[in-house]
Amino acid sequence: MAKITRKPASRNAAVPKKKAKPVAAKPKAPARKTLKATRPWTPAEVHAVFSRFRKANPEPKGELEHVNPFTLLVAVVLSAQATDAGVNKATRALFEVADTPQKMLDLGEERLRDYIKTIGLYRTKAKNVIALSAKLLSEFGGQVPRTRAEIESLPGAGRKTANVVLNMAFGEHTMAVDTHVFRVGNRTGLAPGKTPLEVELGLEKIIPAEFMLHAHHWLILHGRYTCLARKPRCEVCLINDLCRWPEKTV
C-alpha cells in the first residue's frame, strides 16, 4: 500500500514544470501594445488629412498623359508594372497616330509593338491593346464604357484600370489602389489591408464624399514623393502629426 501512495506523489512532482507556460506567453504583450498604437482614425482626423492635401494641391492631376478616354484607357493598361514616365515617353508618339480604337486597329499589333517596346511586357500589352480596341468597336460603338464591369471585361483591364478611367475620364468617386496608395493606406493606418481591394474599400468607407474626386491622386502623389517605400520623408510630410506609423522619424 505504501508503494501505491507514492505514485501520486511522483505525479504531483511533475506539476511544477507547468509553471514554464507563463514564460511563453510573455511575447504576446508587445503585440497588444502595437494594436493599441494603430487605433482607427477618427472622422475629424481623416477630414483634417484630406483638407491639408486639398489646400496644398487643390486640383491634382494624374501623371499619365492622354488626350481622351480611349488614350487614357490604353495608357493605364500599358502602365502595369511600368512607370508613368516610361509610359508617357512611349505614348507621346503613339497617340499622335492612334488616338481612337479604329486607328489603333489600323496601326496593327506589329507596328504598335515598335512604339511601346521600351515598356515592360510590351508584347503582351500590344496584344491586349489591339484586342480591347476591337472589342470597343464591336461591343461599345467605339466608346469607352462607363461602368466598372464593362471596363474590366476589356483585355488587359482590371479593377484598378477601371477605377482610374472612371475617375479621370468620367468624374466618378472611385479609389484606384496602386502600390503607392496601398503603402500609404497601410503605413499611416488610414485603411490597413492585406489586399488592394481591402485598402480600396477601407478608404472609400472613411473618406468624406467632398474629397473623393481627387482622393486617389492625393494619396498616389503622397506615396510617390513623400511617403517613399524605403526612405519616407517624414520631416516634410503634411500629416506626420496624425500618421500612426510607429517608425516615423518625427
Protein backbone atom coordinates (compact mmCIF):
# COMPACT_ATOMS: atom_id res chain seq x y z
CA MET A 1 0.00 0.00 0.00
CA ALA A 2 2.89 2.33 0.70
CA LYS A 3 4.09 1.97 -2.87
CA ILE A 4 0.66 2.85 -4.18
CA THR A 5 0.56 6.07 -2.22
CA ARG A 6 3.96 7.10 -3.54
CA LYS A 7 2.86 7.03 -7.21
CA PRO A 8 0.50 10.00 -6.93
CA ALA A 9 3.29 11.84 -5.16
CA SER A 10 5.58 11.36 -8.18
CA ARG A 11 2.87 12.73 -10.49
CA ASN A 12 2.47 15.77 -8.32
CA ALA A 13 6.19 16.31 -8.53
CA ALA A 14 5.83 16.88 -12.29
CA VAL A 15 3.27 19.65 -11.79
CA PRO A 16 5.80 22.45 -11.19
CA LYS A 17 7.02 22.02 -14.79
CA LYS A 18 3.77 23.59 -15.99
CA LYS A 19 4.87 26.90 -14.46
CA ALA A 20 7.00 27.42 -17.57
CA LYS A 21 3.89 28.32 -19.61
CA PRO A 22 3.70 31.97 -18.48
CA VAL A 23 7.20 32.48 -19.91
CA ALA A 24 5.97 31.54 -23.40
CA ALA A 25 3.01 33.89 -23.05
CA LYS A 26 5.14 36.99 -22.42
CA PRO A 27 5.77 37.85 -26.11
CA LYS A 28 2.04 38.47 -26.56
CA ALA A 29 2.25 41.68 -24.56
CA PRO A 30 4.12 43.75 -27.22
CA ALA A 31 1.62 42.64 -29.87
CA ARG A 32 -1.24 44.08 -27.85
CA LYS A 33 0.57 47.37 -27.47
CA THR A 34 1.09 47.55 -31.24
CA LEU A 35 -2.60 47.06 -31.88
CA LYS A 36 -3.44 49.86 -29.48
CA ALA A 37 -0.91 52.14 -31.19
CA THR A 38 -2.62 51.68 -34.56
CA ARG A 39 -6.04 52.79 -33.39
CA PRO A 40 -8.53 53.69 -36.13
CA TRP A 41 -8.55 57.26 -37.40
CA THR A 42 -11.39 59.45 -36.21
CA PRO A 43 -13.62 61.18 -38.78
CA ALA A 44 -12.15 64.52 -37.69
CA GLU A 45 -8.61 63.28 -38.30
CA VAL A 46 -9.48 61.92 -41.74
CA HIS A 47 -11.11 65.22 -42.64
CA ALA A 48 -8.02 67.07 -41.47
CA VAL A 49 -5.73 64.91 -43.63
CA PHE A 50 -7.59 65.50 -46.85
CA SER A 51 -8.19 69.15 -46.06
CA ARG A 52 -4.41 69.55 -45.88
CA PHE A 53 -3.92 67.68 -49.15
CA ARG A 54 -6.55 69.88 -50.83
CA LYS A 55 -5.03 73.08 -49.52
CA ALA A 56 -1.57 72.07 -50.76
CA ASN A 57 -2.81 70.85 -54.15
CA PRO A 58 -6.41 71.87 -54.96
CA GLU A 59 -6.53 70.28 -58.43
CA PRO A 60 -4.22 67.23 -58.53
CA LYS A 61 -3.70 65.65 -61.92
CA GLY A 62 -2.81 62.14 -62.92
CA GLU A 63 0.64 61.88 -64.45
CA LEU A 64 -0.28 59.58 -67.35
CA GLU A 65 -0.54 61.70 -70.50
CA HIS A 66 -3.67 61.22 -72.61
CA VAL A 67 -5.99 63.12 -74.94
CA ASN A 68 -9.33 61.32 -74.47
CA PRO A 69 -10.89 58.42 -72.54
CA PHE A 70 -9.56 55.87 -75.03
CA THR A 71 -5.95 57.02 -74.79
CA LEU A 72 -6.30 57.15 -71.00
CA LEU A 73 -7.51 53.54 -71.01
CA VAL A 74 -4.58 52.49 -73.19
CA ALA A 75 -2.08 54.39 -71.05
CA VAL A 76 -3.33 52.74 -67.86
CA VAL A 77 -3.20 49.27 -69.42
CA LEU A 78 0.37 49.97 -70.53
CA SER A 79 1.34 51.28 -67.08
CA ALA A 80 1.05 47.90 -65.35
CA GLN A 81 4.47 47.11 -63.83
CA ALA A 82 5.88 50.23 -65.51
CA THR A 83 6.45 53.84 -64.53
CA ASP A 84 4.22 56.67 -65.70
CA ALA A 85 7.28 58.47 -67.08
CA GLY A 86 8.24 55.42 -69.14
CA VAL A 87 4.71 55.05 -70.50
CA ASN A 88 4.47 58.73 -71.39
CA LYS A 89 7.74 58.57 -73.29
CA ALA A 90 6.34 55.80 -75.47
CA THR A 91 2.77 57.03 -75.90
CA ARG A 92 3.51 60.60 -76.97
CA ALA A 93 4.36 59.44 -80.46
CA LEU A 94 1.81 56.60 -80.39
CA PHE A 95 -1.18 58.78 -79.62
CA GLU A 96 -0.27 61.16 -82.44
CA VAL A 97 -1.10 58.39 -84.92
CA ALA A 98 -3.56 56.22 -82.95
CA ASP A 99 -5.92 58.06 -80.60
CA THR A 100 -9.07 56.06 -81.38
CA PRO A 101 -9.87 52.32 -81.38
CA GLN A 102 -10.13 52.25 -85.17
CA LYS A 103 -6.79 53.99 -85.68
CA MET A 104 -5.21 51.58 -83.22
CA LEU A 105 -6.55 48.60 -85.18
CA ASP A 106 -5.34 50.16 -88.41
CA LEU A 107 -1.90 50.56 -86.85
CA GLY A 108 -1.78 46.84 -86.09
CA GLU A 109 -0.09 44.82 -83.38
CA GLU A 110 3.34 44.63 -85.01
CA ARG A 111 3.68 48.39 -85.52
CA LEU A 112 2.21 49.04 -82.07
CA ARG A 113 4.99 46.92 -80.56
CA ASP A 114 7.56 49.22 -82.15
CA TYR A 115 6.06 52.21 -80.33
CA ILE A 116 5.91 50.58 -76.91
CA LYS A 117 8.92 48.25 -76.94
CA THR A 118 10.61 50.27 -74.18
CA ILE A 119 7.79 49.32 -71.79
CA GLY A 120 7.94 46.08 -69.81
CA LEU A 121 5.81 43.20 -71.11
CA TYR A 122 5.27 45.15 -74.32
CA ARG A 123 4.37 42.12 -76.45
CA THR A 124 1.51 41.06 -74.19
CA LYS A 125 0.39 44.64 -73.76
CA ALA A 126 0.35 45.25 -77.52
CA LYS A 127 -1.84 42.19 -77.98
CA ASN A 128 -4.22 43.42 -75.26
CA VAL A 129 -4.45 46.95 -76.67
CA ILE A 130 -5.35 45.63 -80.12
CA ALA A 131 -7.89 43.22 -78.62
CA LEU A 132 -9.53 45.86 -76.41
CA SER A 133 -9.71 48.24 -79.38
CA ALA A 134 -11.53 45.59 -81.39
CA LYS A 135 -13.93 44.92 -78.52
CA LEU A 136 -14.66 48.62 -78.07
CA LEU A 137 -15.65 48.79 -81.74
CA SER A 138 -17.69 45.60 -81.80
CA GLU A 139 -19.49 45.90 -78.46
CA PHE A 140 -19.39 49.53 -77.33
CA GLY A 141 -19.66 51.58 -80.51
CA GLY A 142 -16.03 52.62 -80.31
CA GLN A 143 -16.55 54.36 -76.97
CA VAL A 144 -15.02 53.58 -73.58
CA PRO A 145 -17.84 52.18 -71.41
CA ARG A 146 -18.81 53.90 -68.20
CA THR A 147 -19.27 51.01 -65.80
CA ARG A 148 -16.60 49.11 -63.87
CA ALA A 149 -17.83 45.71 -65.03
CA GLU A 150 -17.73 46.68 -68.69
CA ILE A 151 -14.25 48.19 -68.47
CA GLU A 152 -12.99 45.13 -66.60
CA SER A 153 -14.32 42.96 -69.44
CA LEU A 154 -11.76 44.53 -71.79
CA PRO A 155 -8.48 42.64 -72.40
CA GLY A 156 -5.72 43.84 -70.09
CA ALA A 157 -8.02 45.93 -67.92
CA GLY A 158 -8.54 45.10 -64.25
CA ARG A 159 -10.22 46.79 -61.32
CA LYS A 160 -7.50 49.42 -60.88
CA THR A 161 -7.67 50.31 -64.57
CA ALA A 162 -11.43 50.65 -64.36
CA ASN A 163 -11.22 52.85 -61.28
CA VAL A 164 -8.66 55.18 -62.88
CA VAL A 165 -10.69 55.56 -66.08
CA LEU A 166 -13.99 56.07 -64.25
CA ASN A 167 -12.41 58.71 -62.03
CA MET A 168 -10.26 60.63 -64.50
CA ALA A 169 -12.41 60.35 -67.62
CA PHE A 170 -15.89 60.43 -66.12
CA GLY A 171 -15.54 62.05 -62.69
CA GLU A 172 -16.70 59.03 -60.70
CA HIS A 173 -15.79 58.82 -57.00
CA THR A 174 -13.62 55.72 -57.30
CA MET A 175 -10.46 54.76 -55.44
CA ALA A 176 -7.71 53.27 -57.60
CA VAL A 177 -5.21 51.45 -55.40
CA ASP A 178 -1.73 51.15 -56.85
CA THR A 179 1.46 50.32 -54.96
CA HIS A 180 1.69 53.86 -53.56
CA VAL A 181 -1.89 54.02 -52.27
CA PHE A 182 -1.54 50.52 -50.84
CA ARG A 183 1.57 51.56 -48.93
CA VAL A 184 0.11 54.82 -47.63
CA GLY A 185 -3.14 53.16 -46.57
CA ASN A 186 -1.26 50.55 -44.55
CA ARG A 187 1.66 52.58 -43.23
CA THR A 188 -0.39 55.50 -41.95
CA GLY A 189 -3.13 53.23 -40.62
CA LEU A 190 -5.77 55.05 -42.67
CA ALA A 191 -7.02 51.84 -44.25
CA PRO A 192 -4.98 48.75 -43.37
CA GLY A 193 -5.50 45.78 -45.64
CA LYS A 194 -3.78 42.68 -46.94
CA THR A 195 -5.01 43.22 -50.50
CA PRO A 196 -5.58 46.26 -52.74
CA LEU A 197 -9.31 45.61 -52.60
CA GLU A 198 -9.33 45.70 -48.79
CA VAL A 199 -7.46 49.02 -48.82
CA GLU A 200 -9.77 50.39 -51.54
CA LEU A 201 -12.93 49.55 -49.63
CA GLY A 202 -11.42 50.81 -46.39
CA LEU A 203 -10.55 54.17 -47.90
CA GLU A 204 -13.95 54.53 -49.57
CA LYS A 205 -15.56 53.90 -46.19
CA ILE A 206 -13.72 56.64 -44.31
CA ILE A 207 -13.05 59.41 -46.87
CA PRO A 208 -15.77 62.08 -46.96
CA ALA A 209 -17.55 62.50 -50.31
CA GLU A 210 -16.25 66.06 -50.71
CA PHE A 211 -12.72 64.67 -51.16
CA MET A 212 -13.36 61.51 -53.18
CA LEU A 213 -12.94 63.01 -56.66
CA HIS A 214 -9.27 63.75 -56.03
CA ALA A 215 -8.53 61.43 -53.10
CA HIS A 216 -6.69 58.72 -55.04
CA HIS A 217 -4.50 61.33 -56.75
CA TRP A 218 -3.54 62.90 -53.42
CA LEU A 219 -2.66 59.51 -51.99
CA ILE A 220 -0.69 58.43 -55.07
CA LEU A 221 1.31 61.66 -55.11
CA HIS A 222 1.88 61.44 -51.36
CA GLY A 223 3.24 57.91 -51.73
CA ARG A 224 5.29 58.75 -54.80
CA TYR A 225 7.03 61.86 -53.50
CA THR A 226 6.76 61.89 -49.69
CA CYS A 227 5.81 58.55 -48.13
CA LEU A 228 8.50 56.70 -50.06
CA ALA A 229 8.90 52.94 -49.79
CA ARG A 230 12.47 52.84 -48.44
CA LYS A 231 13.17 56.28 -47.01
CA PRO A 232 9.93 58.11 -46.28
CA ARG A 233 10.36 61.85 -45.96
CA CYS A 234 8.58 62.20 -42.63
CA GLU A 235 10.20 65.57 -41.95
CA VAL A 236 8.23 67.22 -44.80
CA CYS A 237 5.07 65.12 -44.51
CA LEU A 238 1.86 67.17 -44.27
CA ILE A 239 0.25 64.63 -41.99
CA ASN A 240 3.17 63.44 -39.85
CA ASP A 241 1.46 64.53 -36.64
CA LEU A 242 -1.53 62.29 -37.39
CA CYS A 243 0.25 59.35 -39.02
CA ARG A 244 0.04 56.12 -37.00
CA TRP A 245 3.28 54.61 -38.32
CA PRO A 246 5.39 53.64 -35.28
CA GLU A 247 8.65 54.08 -37.22
CA LYS A 248 8.09 57.63 -38.43
CA THR A 249 11.13 59.82 -37.89
CA VAL A 250 9.44 62.93 -36.47
